[in-house]
Amino acid sequence: MSNLPRVAVIILSWNGASYLREFLPSVLRSGYPNLEVIVADNDSSDGSPELLKESFPQVRLIQNGANLGFAAGYNKALKEVEADYYVLLNQDVEVEAGWIEPLVEALEKNPGAAAAQPKIRAYKERKSFEYAGAAGGFLDLAAYPFCRGRLFDTVEEDRGQYDEAMEIFWASGAALFIRSAVWHRFGGFDPVLFAHMEEIDLCWRIKRAGYSVLSVPASLVYHLGGGSLPMGHPRKTYLNFRNNLIIQLKNEKTGRLLRAYPLRLLLDGVAALRALLQGHRADFSAIARAHFYVHFRYFRLFAARRKTQRLIRQLRVAPDNETGRYRGFIIVDYFIKRRKYFSRLRPGAFMRKEKAS
């Protein structure tokens, strides 16, 4: 048995037989000596379990018994997985040989780091960054997420401009590398979110407790994207707006929440009006429904906030780590100041880690 840390790659799949046929072979060629590859099936009806048993017998199959969504599906499956590190990998991701070693090395060298992500390019546009993660995730003062290599609909070509490993605010759920002990201590994903932004929620809790999250561009994967819900689907719009409000209410510092949340509601209103004026009535409706969901559940959400803040205090290992928070508002920078690329954002506007007293 190898002395290298044990790594488990867990692919959550729902009716993803075609993706498994296409992408699973690259994962099995990863080359890492101490690796287990697992598919957690969310009650697929397309023959995925049978495919795995017949064509990929070396892959461990965990059957969840129901479509639990991304968040609860992973929570259930990972109760059955023992490893030093987990890699939560989307079913539509192709990996390069040797992609695991840089991630292991980064976290082994940085005991204060809890999670990391590889550089993520688009599967169909091989030289471009991929929308859901690119070279690492960041968060502005209104809790809008953005990426190094992707601001809103502007996705950059990868020319090596973001090849420097660095600390980020959140790591993409398309290929989330995380210490198993941290995953279990912090309770994994919030099942209320179902899908979308659950990785930002988890990373935010981890950062509030003083851990670091890293971008490791020496590791490279390719993500197809839209495997569950395509870009522009009203259901995706609803989940993105709803879940973003939920994680802001749960995780943000109290003083900043009181200042930023009213502005956030105004900005969402502008986004809804813009969708309506552009003829995207389904998106307008999705944003409205997202706000109705949150506003009629304030008491429940603030109970979740109290629970989250208590957990952060109990698990704190260092001062609140705000590295990767942007002091400005990404909507203003992008749409008004016309800063379309991450490299054009002011470096001094990014927060840095607080020092222990």
Protein backbone atom coordinates (compact mmCIF):
# COMPACT_ATOMS: atom_id res chain seq x y z
CA MET A 1 0.00 0.00 0.00
CA SER A 2 1.29 3.44 -0.92
CA ASN A 3 2.37 5.86 1.82
CA LEU A 4 0.74 8.68 -0.12
CA PRO A 5 -2.45 10.17 1.35
CA ARG A 6 -5.61 8.27 0.43
CA VAL A 7 -7.69 10.14 -2.13
CA ALA A 8 -11.27 9.29 -3.06
CA VAL A 9 -12.80 10.77 -6.22
CA ILE A 10 -16.57 10.79 -5.81
CA ILE A 11 -18.74 11.47 -8.85
CA LEU A 12 -22.38 12.19 -8.11
CA SER A 13 -24.48 10.97 -11.02
CA TRP A 14 -28.12 11.20 -11.98
CA ASN A 15 -29.15 9.77 -15.35
CA GLY A 16 -25.59 10.36 -16.47
CA ALA A 17 -24.82 7.13 -18.33
CA SER A 18 -23.64 9.01 -21.43
CA TYR A 19 -21.35 11.23 -19.30
CA LEU A 20 -19.93 8.24 -17.45
CA ARG A 21 -19.09 6.50 -20.74
CA GLU A 22 -17.34 9.61 -22.02
CA PHE A 23 -15.60 11.03 -18.96
CA LEU A 24 -15.03 8.22 -16.45
CA PRO A 25 -12.18 6.59 -18.44
CA SER A 26 -10.01 9.71 -18.00
CA VAL A 27 -10.57 9.61 -14.23
CA LEU A 28 -9.52 5.96 -14.15
CA ARG A 29 -6.30 6.94 -15.95
CA SER A 30 -5.41 9.54 -13.29
CA GLY A 31 -2.32 7.61 -12.25
CA TYR A 32 -2.37 8.50 -8.54
CA PRO A 33 -1.26 5.35 -6.67
CA ASN A 34 -3.54 5.59 -3.61
CA LEU A 35 -6.84 6.39 -5.32
CA GLU A 36 -10.38 5.09 -5.08
CA VAL A 37 -12.94 6.11 -7.70
CA ILE A 38 -16.57 6.10 -6.57
CA VAL A 39 -19.83 6.89 -8.34
CA ALA A 40 -22.70 7.93 -6.07
CA ASP A 41 -25.91 7.34 -8.01
CA ASN A 42 -28.98 9.48 -7.29
CA ASP A 43 -31.52 6.84 -8.32
CA SER A 44 -30.86 6.99 -12.07
CA SER A 45 -33.37 5.44 -14.47
CA ASP A 46 -31.10 5.36 -17.53
CA GLY A 47 -29.17 2.19 -16.70
CA SER A 48 -26.20 3.96 -15.07
CA PRO A 49 -25.77 1.40 -12.25
CA GLU A 50 -25.86 -1.47 -14.74
CA LEU A 51 -23.33 0.31 -16.96
CA LEU A 52 -20.94 0.71 -14.04
CA LYS A 53 -21.22 -2.92 -13.01
CA GLU A 54 -20.68 -4.19 -16.56
CA SER A 55 -18.15 -1.74 -18.02
CA PHE A 56 -16.39 -0.22 -14.97
CA PRO A 57 -16.21 -2.97 -12.32
CA GLN A 58 -13.19 -1.26 -10.71
CA VAL A 59 -15.41 1.68 -9.75
CA ARG A 60 -17.21 1.50 -6.42
CA LEU A 61 -20.94 2.19 -6.70
CA ILE A 62 -22.92 3.84 -3.92
CA GLN A 63 -26.67 3.96 -4.56
CA ASN A 64 -28.46 6.77 -2.74
CA GLY A 65 -31.91 5.33 -3.46
CA ALA A 66 -33.47 8.67 -4.46
CA ASN A 67 -32.65 11.84 -6.35
CA LEU A 68 -31.42 13.84 -3.38
CA GLY A 69 -29.93 16.67 -5.41
CA PHE A 70 -26.29 17.70 -5.44
CA ALA A 71 -25.99 18.74 -1.80
CA ALA A 72 -27.84 15.97 0.03
CA GLY A 73 -26.64 13.40 -2.49
CA TYR A 74 -23.02 14.06 -1.61
CA ASN A 75 -23.80 14.29 2.11
CA LYS A 76 -25.31 10.82 2.10
CA ALA A 77 -22.67 9.19 -0.07
CA LEU A 78 -19.66 10.59 1.80
CA LYS A 79 -20.83 9.02 5.04
CA GLU A 80 -19.70 5.76 3.45
CA VAL A 81 -16.29 6.92 2.17
CA GLU A 82 -13.03 6.80 4.11
CA ALA A 83 -10.05 8.74 2.75
CA ASP A 84 -7.69 11.55 3.70
CA TYR A 85 -8.94 13.74 0.88
CA TYR A 86 -12.18 13.83 -1.07
CA VAL A 87 -12.49 15.06 -4.64
CA LEU A 88 -16.07 15.95 -5.51
CA LEU A 89 -16.03 15.71 -9.28
CA ASN A 90 -18.87 16.49 -11.66
CA GLN A 91 -19.96 13.68 -13.96
CA ASP A 92 -19.09 15.78 -17.03
CA VAL A 93 -15.42 16.48 -16.22
CA GLU A 94 -12.40 15.16 -18.12
CA VAL A 95 -9.15 15.12 -16.19
CA GLU A 96 -5.52 15.02 -17.24
CA ALA A 97 -3.10 12.37 -16.01
CA GLY A 98 -1.28 13.65 -12.92
CA TRP A 99 -4.01 16.11 -11.97
CA ILE A 100 -4.32 14.84 -8.39
CA GLU A 101 -0.67 15.13 -7.32
CA PRO A 102 -0.48 18.98 -7.39
CA LEU A 103 -3.62 19.24 -5.27
CA VAL A 104 -2.31 16.75 -2.69
CA GLU A 105 1.06 18.50 -2.61
CA ALA A 106 -0.52 21.92 -2.10
CA LEU A 107 -2.58 20.84 0.91
CA GLU A 108 0.19 18.69 2.39
CA LYS A 109 2.47 21.75 2.34
CA ASN A 110 -0.24 24.04 3.75
CA PRO A 111 -1.80 22.50 6.88
CA GLY A 112 -4.02 25.57 7.27
CA ALA A 113 -5.58 24.99 3.86
CA ALA A 114 -8.80 23.00 3.89
CA ALA A 115 -9.80 22.87 0.23
CA ALA A 116 -8.54 23.55 -3.27
CA GLN A 117 -9.51 23.42 -6.91
CA PRO A 118 -7.67 22.77 -10.18
CA LYS A 119 -7.69 25.12 -13.12
CA ILE A 120 -10.90 24.44 -15.03
CA ARG A 121 -11.12 24.88 -18.78
CA ALA A 122 -14.14 24.38 -21.04
CA TYR A 123 -14.41 20.91 -22.53
CA LYS A 124 -15.61 22.15 -25.92
CA GLU A 125 -13.51 25.33 -26.05
CA ARG A 126 -10.28 23.77 -24.83
CA LYS A 127 -8.27 27.00 -24.59
CA SER A 128 -10.93 28.92 -22.67
CA PHE A 129 -11.69 28.94 -18.99
CA GLU A 130 -14.90 27.26 -17.93
CA TYR A 131 -17.76 29.29 -16.50
CA ALA A 132 -18.17 27.35 -13.23
CA GLY A 133 -14.85 27.87 -11.49
CA ALA A 134 -12.18 28.94 -14.02
CA ALA A 135 -9.00 29.62 -11.98
CA GLY A 136 -10.68 30.17 -8.62
CA GLY A 137 -13.67 31.83 -7.00
CA PHE A 138 -14.06 35.21 -5.29
CA LEU A 139 -16.90 37.12 -3.60
CA ASP A 140 -17.78 40.82 -3.56
CA LEU A 141 -19.32 42.87 -0.76
CA ALA A 142 -22.85 42.09 -1.94
CA ALA A 143 -21.98 38.35 -1.93
CA TYR A 144 -22.01 38.06 -5.71
CA PRO A 145 -19.54 35.36 -6.77
CA PHE A 146 -17.11 35.70 -9.66
CA CYS A 147 -14.04 33.89 -10.94
CA ARG A 148 -10.46 34.51 -11.94
CA GLY A 149 -10.94 34.07 -15.67
CA ARG A 150 -14.71 34.68 -15.81
CA LEU A 151 -16.72 37.78 -14.94
CA PHE A 152 -20.43 37.33 -15.70
CA ASP A 153 -20.65 36.33 -19.38
CA THR A 154 -17.07 37.28 -20.24
CA VAL A 155 -14.99 34.10 -20.25
CA GLU A 156 -11.29 34.56 -20.95
CA GLU A 157 -8.98 32.43 -23.02
CA ASP A 158 -6.34 30.73 -20.88
CA ARG A 159 -2.99 32.20 -21.93
CA GLY A 160 -1.27 31.34 -18.66
CA GLN A 161 -2.24 34.69 -17.13
CA TYR A 162 -3.64 33.01 -14.01
CA ASP A 163 -1.16 30.16 -13.62
CA GLU A 164 0.04 31.42 -10.26
CA ALA A 165 -1.19 29.30 -7.35
CA MET A 166 -2.97 31.54 -4.89
CA GLU A 167 -5.48 31.71 -2.09
CA ILE A 168 -9.07 32.22 -3.22
CA PHE A 169 -12.42 32.56 -1.47
CA TRP A 170 -14.26 29.53 -2.83
CA ALA A 171 -13.39 26.45 -4.84
CA SER A 172 -15.63 25.18 -7.62
CA GLY A 173 -17.97 22.29 -6.90
CA ALA A 174 -17.15 20.93 -10.36
CA ALA A 175 -13.85 19.67 -8.95
CA LEU A 176 -13.68 20.34 -5.21
CA PHE A 177 -10.66 18.91 -3.41
CA ILE A 178 -11.18 18.93 0.37
CA ARG A 179 -9.81 17.38 3.54
CA SER A 180 -12.26 14.69 4.61
CA ALA A 181 -11.97 15.68 8.28
CA VAL A 182 -12.93 19.27 7.45
CA TRP A 183 -15.86 18.11 5.32
CA HIS A 184 -17.32 16.10 8.18
CA ARG A 185 -16.59 18.66 10.91
CA PHE A 186 -18.37 21.40 8.99
CA GLY A 187 -21.33 19.21 8.06
CA GLY A 188 -20.76 19.01 4.32
CA PHE A 189 -23.24 20.79 2.07
CA ASP A 190 -26.46 22.46 3.16
CA PRO A 191 -29.26 20.24 1.76
CA VAL A 192 -31.67 23.20 1.69
CA LEU A 193 -29.67 24.53 -1.27
CA PHE A 194 -30.33 21.34 -3.30
CA ALA A 195 -27.96 22.43 -6.09
CA HIS A 196 -25.88 25.52 -6.99
CA MET A 197 -23.63 27.54 -4.67
CA GLU A 198 -23.43 24.85 -1.99
CA GLU A 199 -19.64 24.85 -2.45
CA ILE A 200 -19.50 28.63 -1.86
CA ASP A 201 -21.56 28.18 1.30
CA LEU A 202 -19.20 25.48 2.61
CA CYS A 203 -16.06 27.42 1.69
CA TRP A 204 -17.45 30.53 3.37
CA ARG A 205 -17.94 28.62 6.65
CA ILE A 206 -14.44 27.19 6.35
CA LYS A 207 -12.92 30.63 5.71
CA ARG A 208 -14.85 32.22 8.58
CA ALA A 209 -13.25 29.61 10.85
CA GLY A 210 -9.78 30.65 9.70
CA TYR A 211 -8.88 28.04 7.08
CA SER A 212 -7.57 28.77 3.59
CA VAL A 213 -8.90 27.71 0.18
CA LEU A 214 -6.46 27.42 -2.72
CA SER A 215 -6.37 27.58 -6.51
CA VAL A 216 -3.80 25.11 -7.91
CA PRO A 217 -3.47 25.78 -11.67
CA ALA A 218 -0.78 23.08 -12.02
CA SER A 219 -3.74 20.71 -11.93
CA LEU A 220 -5.94 20.94 -15.02
CA VAL A 221 -9.39 19.55 -15.81
CA TYR A 222 -12.00 20.18 -18.53
CA HIS A 223 -15.66 20.70 -17.64
CA LEU A 224 -18.49 20.34 -20.13
CA GLY A 225 -20.99 22.25 -17.97
CA GLY A 226 -24.78 22.31 -18.11
CA GLY A 227 -24.96 18.60 -17.44
CA SER A 228 -27.86 19.01 -15.03
CA LEU A 229 -29.31 22.40 -15.95
CA PRO A 230 -28.07 24.37 -18.97
CA MET A 231 -27.02 28.01 -18.76
CA GLY A 232 -30.01 30.34 -19.00
CA HIS A 233 -32.50 27.79 -17.72
CA PRO A 234 -35.05 29.54 -15.43
CA ARG A 235 -34.62 26.83 -12.80
CA LYS A 236 -30.89 27.59 -12.67
CA THR A 237 -31.64 31.31 -12.41
CA TYR A 238 -34.03 30.65 -9.53
CA LEU A 239 -31.56 28.46 -7.62
CA ASN A 240 -28.66 30.85 -8.17
CA PHE A 241 -30.53 33.91 -6.86
CA ARG A 242 -32.29 32.05 -4.04
CA ASN A 243 -29.21 30.22 -2.84
CA ASN A 244 -26.98 33.27 -3.04
CA LEU A 245 -29.33 35.18 -0.73
CA ILE A 246 -29.49 32.20 1.65
CA ILE A 247 -25.72 31.84 1.96
CA GLN A 248 -25.32 35.59 2.46
CA LEU A 249 -27.84 35.56 5.30
CA LYS A 250 -26.17 32.52 6.88
CA ASN A 251 -22.50 33.42 6.62
CA GLU A 252 -21.95 37.17 6.38
CA LYS A 253 -20.65 39.16 9.34
CA THR A 254 -23.49 40.99 11.08
CA GLY A 255 -22.29 44.56 10.49
CA ARG A 256 -21.57 43.97 6.83
CA LEU A 257 -24.86 42.12 6.35
CA LEU A 258 -26.82 45.08 7.72
CA ARG A 259 -25.02 47.43 5.32
CA ALA A 260 -24.88 45.25 2.21
CA TYR A 261 -28.15 43.34 2.24
CA PRO A 262 -30.46 46.29 1.36
CA LEU A 263 -28.16 47.17 -1.55
CA ARG A 264 -28.17 43.52 -2.59
CA LEU A 265 -31.98 43.54 -2.78
CA LEU A 266 -31.81 46.67 -4.95
CA LEU A 267 -29.23 45.10 -7.29
CA ASP A 268 -31.33 41.95 -7.65
CA GLY A 269 -34.29 44.17 -8.48
CA VAL A 270 -32.25 45.84 -11.22
CA ALA A 271 -31.26 42.40 -12.55
CA ALA A 272 -34.91 41.34 -12.61
CA LEU A 273 -35.97 44.53 -14.41
CA ARG A 274 -33.14 44.08 -16.93
CA ALA A 275 -34.32 40.53 -17.64
CA LEU A 276 -37.87 41.76 -18.17
CA LEU A 277 -36.81 44.57 -20.52
CA GLN A 278 -34.75 42.09 -22.54
CA GLY A 279 -37.80 39.87 -22.94
CA HIS A 280 -36.61 37.16 -20.53
CA ARG A 281 -39.87 36.90 -18.61
CA ALA A 282 -39.06 33.44 -17.24
CA ASP A 283 -35.86 34.80 -15.67
CA PHE A 284 -37.77 37.77 -14.23
CA SER A 285 -40.23 35.34 -12.66
CA ALA A 286 -37.40 33.15 -11.37
CA ILE A 287 -35.72 36.07 -9.58
CA ALA A 288 -39.04 37.16 -8.08
CA ARG A 289 -39.78 33.62 -6.85
CA ALA A 290 -36.30 33.40 -5.34
CA HIS A 291 -36.96 36.54 -3.30
CA PHE A 292 -40.39 35.39 -2.23
CA TYR A 293 -38.87 32.12 -1.01
CA VAL A 294 -36.30 33.95 1.13
CA HIS A 295 -38.52 36.74 2.42
CA PHE A 296 -41.21 34.38 3.64
CA ARG A 297 -38.63 32.26 5.50
CA TYR A 298 -36.63 34.88 7.37
CA PHE A 299 -37.20 33.31 10.80
CA ARG A 300 -36.12 29.90 9.56
CA LEU A 301 -33.10 31.35 7.77
CA PHE A 302 -31.99 33.34 10.80
CA ALA A 303 -32.23 30.17 12.87
CA ALA A 304 -29.90 28.60 10.30
CA ARG A 305 -27.65 31.66 10.64
CA ARG A 306 -27.40 31.24 14.42
CA LYS A 307 -26.52 27.58 13.96
CA THR A 308 -23.88 28.42 11.34
CA GLN A 309 -22.28 31.18 13.43
CA ARG A 310 -22.16 28.86 16.44
CA LEU A 311 -20.48 26.14 14.37
CA ILE A 312 -17.88 28.62 13.10
CA ARG A 313 -17.04 29.69 16.66
CA GLN A 314 -16.71 26.08 17.80
CA LEU A 315 -14.42 25.07 14.92
CA ARG A 316 -12.32 28.23 14.64
CA VAL A 317 -8.60 27.59 14.15
CA ALA A 318 -7.52 31.14 13.27
CA PRO A 319 -9.01 34.62 12.79
CA ASP A 320 -11.66 35.09 10.13
CA ASN A 321 -9.92 34.67 6.76
CA GLU A 322 -11.30 37.16 4.25
CA THR A 323 -8.70 36.61 1.55
CA GLY A 324 -10.61 36.55 -1.73
CA ARG A 325 -13.33 39.02 -0.71
CA TYR A 326 -13.57 42.02 -3.03
CA ARG A 327 -14.15 45.38 -1.36
CA GLY A 328 -16.19 46.65 -4.28
CA PHE A 329 -19.30 45.58 -6.14
CA ILE A 330 -18.56 43.43 -9.16
CA ILE A 331 -21.76 44.56 -10.92
CA VAL A 332 -20.58 48.19 -10.79
CA ASP A 333 -17.09 47.30 -12.00
CA TYR A 334 -18.35 45.14 -14.85
CA PHE A 335 -21.38 47.00 -16.17
CA ILE A 336 -20.53 50.63 -15.34
CA LYS A 337 -16.72 50.81 -15.17
CA ARG A 338 -16.47 48.25 -18.01
CA ARG A 339 -13.86 46.13 -16.28
CA LYS A 340 -14.51 42.88 -18.13
CA TYR A 341 -11.47 40.91 -16.98
CA PHE A 342 -10.30 39.81 -13.57
CA SER A 343 -6.85 41.27 -14.23
CA ARG A 344 -8.42 44.74 -14.57
CA LEU A 345 -9.86 44.68 -11.06
CA ARG A 346 -7.84 46.70 -8.57
CA PRO A 347 -5.48 44.33 -6.65
CA GLY A 348 -5.67 46.56 -3.58
CA ALA A 349 -9.43 46.07 -3.44
CA PHE A 350 -9.07 42.44 -2.40
CA MET A 351 -9.08 41.73 1.32
CA ARG A 352 -6.21 39.97 3.02
CA LYS A 353 -5.98 37.49 5.85
CA GLU A 354 -6.19 38.93 9.35
CA LYS A 355 -3.15 38.28 11.51
CA ALA A 356 -3.45 36.45 14.79
CA SER A 357 -3.16 38.76 17.77
